[in-house]
Amino acid sequence: SINQMFQGCTHLASVDLSTTLEIGNNAFSNTALTEVSAPNLTRIGNSAFYGCSSLGTFVLPSTLTSIGDRAFVNTQLRYNASDFVNLQQIYGHRDGSLFKNGVNIASGNSHISGDLYSPNLTYLGDKVFMGQSAITKVNLPALQTLYGQGTFANCTGLTEVVSLGTITEINGDYNYSTYGTFEGCTSLTSVT
């Protein structure tokens, strides 16, 4: 795992991660990376690419099982929701989501689009998908732990929640947030 190794190297534009299995916390935050290829990656740590404002290409490998909170804040990355199919854990944070920072994340400028189906996802953190207005459907049949603070808040394109698994633990410190799990999902018509 690479923790904080290249944090703040503002001219670092490329790196070979072909043999890397884990990218640790803040490993490449605030660098000039434009593209990342890491075909064997299993874990991305917290804020790993935070502030990489030029980062526009990063194919999530099928080996990836865990993404840390605020991993892609202030990047140009865009994903189809199906890119998250193999994940088991996505961490969130009360102060921001996977792609955006701040507690008042508005909808729009979506980084994820389509139907979110992740059959192995067991852990989902606070505000992970907050403001991702192009997510249309959620199906997470294996979900066990949900930190529900605004997890899908302001996902205005979300119309259907098919399954949230068998949630055995709901956590979250609601003293820091007034967002409900699905608050502001104005198009949501069906939960089964």
C-alpha atoms as a PDB file:
ATOM      1  CA  SER A   1       0.000   0.000   0.000  1.00  0.00           C
ATOM      2  CA  ILE A   2       1.197   3.480  -0.895  1.00  0.00           C
ATOM      3  CA  ASN A   3       0.174   6.050   1.776  1.00  0.00           C
ATOM      4  CA  GLN A   4       0.805   9.764   1.141  1.00  0.00           C
ATOM      5  CA  MET A   5       3.785   8.816  -1.017  1.00  0.00           C
ATOM      6  CA  PHE A   6       3.219  11.384  -3.752  1.00  0.00           C
ATOM      7  CA  GLN A   7       0.777  13.740  -2.017  1.00  0.00           C
ATOM      8  CA  GLY A   8       1.225  17.304  -3.263  1.00  0.00           C
ATOM      9  CA  CYS A   9       3.621  16.455  -6.097  1.00  0.00           C
ATOM     10  CA  THR A  10       1.872  19.014  -8.277  1.00  0.00           C
ATOM     11  CA  HIS A  11       3.813  18.188 -11.456  1.00  0.00           C
ATOM     12  CA  LEU A  12       3.431  14.391 -11.278  1.00  0.00           C
ATOM     13  CA  ALA A  13       1.457  13.632 -14.450  1.00  0.00           C
ATOM     14  CA  SER A  14       1.950   9.885 -14.959  1.00  0.00           C
ATOM     15  CA  VAL A  15       2.729   6.794 -12.917  1.00  0.00           C
ATOM     16  CA  ASP A  16       2.892   3.064 -13.677  1.00  0.00           C
ATOM     17  CA  LEU A  17       0.629   1.150 -11.297  1.00  0.00           C
ATOM     18  CA  SER A  18       0.456  -2.084 -13.292  1.00  0.00           C
ATOM     19  CA  THR A  19       1.697  -4.208 -10.367  1.00  0.00           C
ATOM     20  CA  THR A  20       0.126  -2.221  -7.527  1.00  0.00           C
ATOM     21  CA  LEU A  21      -2.513  -3.986  -5.425  1.00  0.00           C
ATOM     22  CA  GLU A  22      -3.447  -1.196  -3.001  1.00  0.00           C
ATOM     23  CA  ILE A  23      -3.363   2.580  -3.187  1.00  0.00           C
ATOM     24  CA  GLY A  24      -3.318   4.026   0.310  1.00  0.00           C
ATOM     25  CA  ASN A  25      -4.733   7.170   1.849  1.00  0.00           C
ATOM     26  CA  ASN A  26      -3.822  10.443   0.106  1.00  0.00           C
ATOM     27  CA  ALA A  27      -1.309   8.579  -2.082  1.00  0.00           C
ATOM     28  CA  PHE A  28      -1.733  10.815  -5.119  1.00  0.00           C
ATOM     29  CA  SER A  29      -3.811  13.676  -3.735  1.00  0.00           C
ATOM     30  CA  ASN A  30      -3.220  17.046  -5.376  1.00  0.00           C
ATOM     31  CA  THR A  31      -1.049  15.716  -8.191  1.00  0.00           C
ATOM     32  CA  ALA A  32      -1.311  16.409 -11.930  1.00  0.00           C
ATOM     33  CA  LEU A  33      -2.293  12.867 -12.938  1.00  0.00           C
ATOM     34  CA  THR A  34      -4.486  12.749 -16.047  1.00  0.00           C
ATOM     35  CA  GLU A  35      -4.917   8.995 -16.451  1.00  0.00           C
ATOM     36  CA  VAL A  36      -4.493   5.964 -14.190  1.00  0.00           C
ATOM     37  CA  SER A  37      -4.172   2.327 -15.146  1.00  0.00           C
ATOM     38  CA  ALA A  38      -4.022  -0.189 -12.318  1.00  0.00           C
ATOM     39  CA  PRO A  39      -5.319  -3.521 -13.663  1.00  0.00           C
ATOM     40  CA  ASN A  40      -4.619  -5.538 -10.492  1.00  0.00           C
ATOM     41  CA  LEU A  41      -5.833  -3.049  -7.913  1.00  0.00           C
ATOM     42  CA  THR A  42      -7.924  -4.351  -4.993  1.00  0.00           C
ATOM     43  CA  ARG A  43      -8.251  -1.271  -2.758  1.00  0.00           C
ATOM     44  CA  ILE A  44      -8.233   2.521  -3.099  1.00  0.00           C
ATOM     45  CA  GLY A  45      -7.685   4.395   0.168  1.00  0.00           C
ATOM     46  CA  ASN A  46      -9.298   7.535   1.557  1.00  0.00           C
ATOM     47  CA  SER A  47      -8.693  10.693  -0.500  1.00  0.00           C
ATOM     48  CA  ALA A  48      -6.294   8.723  -2.728  1.00  0.00           C
ATOM     49  CA  PHE A  49      -6.849  11.009  -5.741  1.00  0.00           C
ATOM     50  CA  TYR A  50      -8.386  13.966  -3.902  1.00  0.00           C
ATOM     51  CA  GLY A  51      -7.778  17.201  -5.789  1.00  0.00           C
ATOM     52  CA  CYS A  52      -6.399  15.593  -8.959  1.00  0.00           C
ATOM     53  CA  SER A  53      -8.336  18.077 -11.063  1.00  0.00           C
ATOM     54  CA  SER A  54      -6.891  16.809 -14.362  1.00  0.00           C
ATOM     55  CA  LEU A  55      -7.659  13.129 -13.720  1.00  0.00           C
ATOM     56  CA  GLY A  56     -10.170  12.122 -16.376  1.00  0.00           C
ATOM     57  CA  THR A  57      -9.480   8.429 -17.027  1.00  0.00           C
ATOM     58  CA  PHE A  58      -9.308   5.611 -14.504  1.00  0.00           C
ATOM     59  CA  VAL A  59     -10.815   2.268 -15.469  1.00  0.00           C
ATOM     60  CA  LEU A  60     -11.929   0.496 -12.300  1.00  0.00           C
ATOM     61  CA  PRO A  61     -10.505  -3.032 -12.579  1.00  0.00           C
ATOM     62  CA  SER A  62     -12.649  -6.094 -11.880  1.00  0.00           C
ATOM     63  CA  THR A  63     -10.286  -6.915  -8.982  1.00  0.00           C
ATOM     64  CA  LEU A  64     -11.257  -3.732  -7.094  1.00  0.00           C
ATOM     65  CA  THR A  65     -13.277  -4.491  -3.957  1.00  0.00           C
ATOM     66  CA  SER A  66     -12.946  -1.369  -1.768  1.00  0.00           C
ATOM     67  CA  ILE A  67     -12.946   2.403  -2.301  1.00  0.00           C
ATOM     68  CA  GLY A  68     -12.158   4.821   0.521  1.00  0.00           C
ATOM     69  CA  ASP A  69     -14.050   7.980   1.352  1.00  0.00           C
ATOM     70  CA  ARG A  70     -13.515  11.060  -0.819  1.00  0.00           C
ATOM     71  CA  ALA A  71     -11.249   9.012  -3.103  1.00  0.00           C
ATOM     72  CA  PHE A  72     -12.123  10.984  -6.249  1.00  0.00           C
ATOM     73  CA  VAL A  73     -13.103  14.445  -4.942  1.00  0.00           C
ATOM     74  CA  ASN A  74     -12.363  17.232  -7.431  1.00  0.00           C
ATOM     75  CA  THR A  75     -11.465  14.955 -10.336  1.00  0.00           C
ATOM     76  CA  GLN A  76     -12.978  14.805 -13.826  1.00  0.00           C
ATOM     77  CA  LEU A  77     -13.820  11.088 -13.595  1.00  0.00           C
ATOM     78  CA  ARG A  78     -17.142   9.818 -14.944  1.00  0.00           C
ATOM     79  CA  TYR A  79     -18.488   6.295 -14.494  1.00  0.00           C
ATOM     80  CA  ASN A  80     -21.387   4.140 -15.487  1.00  0.00           C
ATOM     81  CA  ALA A  81     -22.972   2.690 -12.353  1.00  0.00           C
ATOM     82  CA  SER A  82     -22.192  -0.798 -13.703  1.00  0.00           C
ATOM     83  CA  ASP A  83     -18.482  -0.059 -13.127  1.00  0.00           C
ATOM     84  CA  PHE A  84     -19.146  -0.616  -9.400  1.00  0.00           C
ATOM     85  CA  VAL A  85     -20.421  -4.185  -9.853  1.00  0.00           C
ATOM     86  CA  ASN A  86     -17.515  -5.963  -8.082  1.00  0.00           C
ATOM     87  CA  LEU A  87     -17.154  -3.672  -5.096  1.00  0.00           C
ATOM     88  CA  GLN A  88     -17.686  -4.978  -1.571  1.00  0.00           C
ATOM     89  CA  GLN A  89     -17.121  -1.761   0.400  1.00  0.00           C
ATOM     90  CA  ILE A  90     -17.472   1.933  -0.395  1.00  0.00           C
ATOM     91  CA  TYR A  91     -16.591   4.232   2.444  1.00  0.00           C
ATOM     92  CA  GLY A  92     -18.138   7.627   2.947  1.00  0.00           C
ATOM     93  CA  HIS A  93     -17.551  10.619   5.147  1.00  0.00           C
ATOM     94  CA  ARG A  94     -19.829  13.107   6.840  1.00  0.00           C
ATOM     95  CA  ASP A  95     -17.945  15.973   5.167  1.00  0.00           C
ATOM     96  CA  GLY A  96     -18.209  14.805   1.568  1.00  0.00           C
ATOM     97  CA  SER A  97     -18.985  12.085  -0.917  1.00  0.00           C
ATOM     98  CA  LEU A  98     -16.951   9.898  -3.213  1.00  0.00           C
ATOM     99  CA  PHE A  99     -16.671  12.687  -5.807  1.00  0.00           C
ATOM    100  CA  LYS A 100     -17.593  15.934  -4.086  1.00  0.00           C
ATOM    101  CA  ASN A 101     -16.513  17.692  -0.920  1.00  0.00           C
ATOM    102  CA  GLY A 102     -18.673  19.695   1.436  1.00  0.00           C
ATOM    103  CA  VAL A 103     -21.801  19.060   3.406  1.00  0.00           C
ATOM    104  CA  ASN A 104     -24.084  21.003   1.050  1.00  0.00           C
ATOM    105  CA  ILE A 105     -23.614  18.934  -2.077  1.00  0.00           C
ATOM    106  CA  ALA A 106     -26.100  19.989  -4.722  1.00  0.00           C
ATOM    107  CA  SER A 107     -27.479  17.661  -7.358  1.00  0.00           C
ATOM    108  CA  GLY A 108     -26.190  17.923 -10.901  1.00  0.00           C
ATOM    109  CA  ASN A 109     -22.757  17.418 -12.457  1.00  0.00           C
ATOM    110  CA  SER A 110     -23.178  13.699 -11.895  1.00  0.00           C
ATOM    111  CA  HIS A 111     -20.088  11.510 -11.955  1.00  0.00           C
ATOM    112  CA  ILE A 112     -22.091   8.253 -12.027  1.00  0.00           C
ATOM    113  CA  SER A 113     -24.939   7.355 -14.347  1.00  0.00           C
ATOM    114  CA  GLY A 114     -27.259   4.395 -14.901  1.00  0.00           C
ATOM    115  CA  ASP A 115     -28.497   1.506 -12.778  1.00  0.00           C
ATOM    116  CA  LEU A 116     -26.410   0.789  -9.673  1.00  0.00           C
ATOM    117  CA  TYR A 117     -26.245  -2.989  -9.216  1.00  0.00           C
ATOM    118  CA  SER A 118     -23.509  -4.359  -7.003  1.00  0.00           C
ATOM    119  CA  PRO A 119     -24.297  -7.909  -5.858  1.00  0.00           C
ATOM    120  CA  ASN A 120     -21.355  -8.153  -3.436  1.00  0.00           C
ATOM    121  CA  LEU A 121     -21.525  -4.723  -1.805  1.00  0.00           C
ATOM    122  CA  THR A 122     -21.918  -5.259   1.960  1.00  0.00           C
ATOM    123  CA  TYR A 123     -20.825  -1.863   3.326  1.00  0.00           C
ATOM    124  CA  LEU A 124     -21.915   1.580   2.165  1.00  0.00           C
ATOM    125  CA  GLY A 125     -20.816   4.796   3.854  1.00  0.00           C
ATOM    126  CA  ASP A 126     -22.267   8.258   4.417  1.00  0.00           C
ATOM    127  CA  LYS A 127     -22.974  10.489   1.411  1.00  0.00           C
ATOM    128  CA  VAL A 128     -21.225   8.108  -1.005  1.00  0.00           C
ATOM    129  CA  PHE A 129     -23.616   8.774  -3.892  1.00  0.00           C
ATOM    130  CA  MET A 130     -25.021  12.102  -2.704  1.00  0.00           C
ATOM    131  CA  GLY A 131     -25.949  14.412  -5.565  1.00  0.00           C
ATOM    132  CA  GLN A 132     -25.383  11.809  -8.282  1.00  0.00           C
ATOM    133  CA  SER A 133     -28.477  12.820 -10.212  1.00  0.00           C
ATOM    134  CA  ALA A 134     -27.931  10.389 -13.103  1.00  0.00           C
ATOM    135  CA  ILE A 135     -28.234   7.218 -10.988  1.00  0.00           C
ATOM    136  CA  THR A 136     -31.608   5.774 -11.975  1.00  0.00           C
ATOM    137  CA  LYS A 137     -32.000   2.509 -10.030  1.00  0.00           C
ATOM    138  CA  VAL A 138     -30.401   0.938  -6.936  1.00  0.00           C
ATOM    139  CA  ASN A 139     -30.093  -2.807  -6.366  1.00  0.00           C
ATOM    140  CA  LEU A 140     -27.714  -3.824  -3.559  1.00  0.00           C
ATOM    141  CA  PRO A 141     -28.912  -7.308  -2.504  1.00  0.00           C
ATOM    142  CA  ALA A 142     -25.960  -8.121  -0.195  1.00  0.00           C
ATOM    143  CA  LEU A 143     -25.906  -4.836   1.735  1.00  0.00           C
ATOM    144  CA  GLN A 144     -25.476  -5.399   5.483  1.00  0.00           C
ATOM    145  CA  THR A 145     -24.076  -2.132   6.868  1.00  0.00           C
ATOM    146  CA  LEU A 146     -25.401   1.262   5.856  1.00  0.00           C
ATOM    147  CA  TYR A 147     -24.110   4.529   7.224  1.00  0.00           C
ATOM    148  CA  GLY A 148     -27.245   6.274   6.107  1.00  0.00           C
ATOM    149  CA  GLN A 149     -26.423   9.976   6.339  1.00  0.00           C
ATOM    150  CA  GLY A 150     -27.410  11.237   2.903  1.00  0.00           C
ATOM    151  CA  THR A 151     -26.083   8.128   1.141  1.00  0.00           C
ATOM    152  CA  PHE A 152     -28.358   8.757  -1.867  1.00  0.00           C
ATOM    153  CA  ALA A 153     -29.572  12.271  -0.979  1.00  0.00           C
ATOM    154  CA  ASN A 154     -30.356  14.524  -3.945  1.00  0.00           C
ATOM    155  CA  CYS A 155     -30.117  11.683  -6.462  1.00  0.00           C
ATOM    156  CA  THR A 156     -32.898  13.388  -8.387  1.00  0.00           C
ATOM    157  CA  GLY A 157     -32.885  10.858 -11.257  1.00  0.00           C
ATOM    158  CA  LEU A 158     -33.349   7.871  -8.941  1.00  0.00           C
ATOM    159  CA  THR A 159     -36.738   6.283  -9.661  1.00  0.00           C
ATOM    160  CA  GLU A 160     -36.497   2.814  -8.104  1.00  0.00           C
ATOM    161  CA  VAL A 161     -34.852   1.016  -5.177  1.00  0.00           C
ATOM    162  CA  VAL A 162     -35.128  -2.732  -5.761  1.00  0.00           C
ATOM    163  CA  SER A 163     -33.167  -4.123  -2.837  1.00  0.00           C
ATOM    164  CA  LEU A 164     -31.051  -2.864   0.013  1.00  0.00           C
ATOM    165  CA  GLY A 165     -30.183  -6.378   1.153  1.00  0.00           C
ATOM    166  CA  THR A 166     -30.611  -7.458   4.736  1.00  0.00           C
ATOM    167  CA  ILE A 167     -29.301  -4.463   6.616  1.00  0.00           C
ATOM    168  CA  THR A 168     -28.201  -5.604  10.056  1.00  0.00           C
ATOM    169  CA  GLU A 169     -26.423  -2.428  11.073  1.00  0.00           C
ATOM    170  CA  ILE A 170     -27.303   1.205  10.445  1.00  0.00           C
ATOM    171  CA  ASN A 171     -24.763   3.653  11.765  1.00  0.00           C
ATOM    172  CA  GLY A 172     -23.994   7.309  11.457  1.00  0.00           C
ATOM    173  CA  ASP A 173     -23.561  10.345  13.620  1.00  0.00           C
ATOM    174  CA  TYR A 174     -26.612  12.394  12.801  1.00  0.00           C
ATOM    175  CA  ASN A 175     -25.338  15.324  14.852  1.00  0.00           C
ATOM    176  CA  TYR A 176     -23.285  16.333  11.814  1.00  0.00           C
ATOM    177  CA  SER A 177     -25.886  16.049   9.100  1.00  0.00           C
ATOM    178  CA  THR A 178     -29.522  16.731   8.505  1.00  0.00           C
ATOM    179  CA  TYR A 179     -29.669  14.612   5.342  1.00  0.00           C
ATOM    180  CA  GLY A 180     -31.842  11.515   5.231  1.00  0.00           C
ATOM    181  CA  THR A 181     -30.651   8.487   3.283  1.00  0.00           C
ATOM    182  CA  PHE A 182     -32.905   9.233   0.280  1.00  0.00           C
ATOM    183  CA  GLU A 183     -33.714  12.879   1.015  1.00  0.00           C
ATOM    184  CA  GLY A 184     -34.337  14.963  -2.092  1.00  0.00           C
ATOM    185  CA  CYS A 185     -34.829  11.945  -4.385  1.00  0.00           C
ATOM    186  CA  THR A 186     -37.726  13.700  -6.065  1.00  0.00           C
ATOM    187  CA  SER A 187     -38.219  11.081  -8.814  1.00  0.00           C
ATOM    188  CA  LEU A 188     -38.267   8.042  -6.505  1.00  0.00           C
ATOM    189  CA  THR A 189     -41.526   6.161  -7.091  1.00  0.00           C
ATOM    190  CA  SER A 190     -40.826   2.576  -6.011  1.00  0.00           C
ATOM    191  CA  VAL A 191     -39.035   0.850  -3.126  1.00  0.00           C
ATOM    192  CA  THR A 192     -39.284  -2.951  -2.900  1.00  0.00           C
END
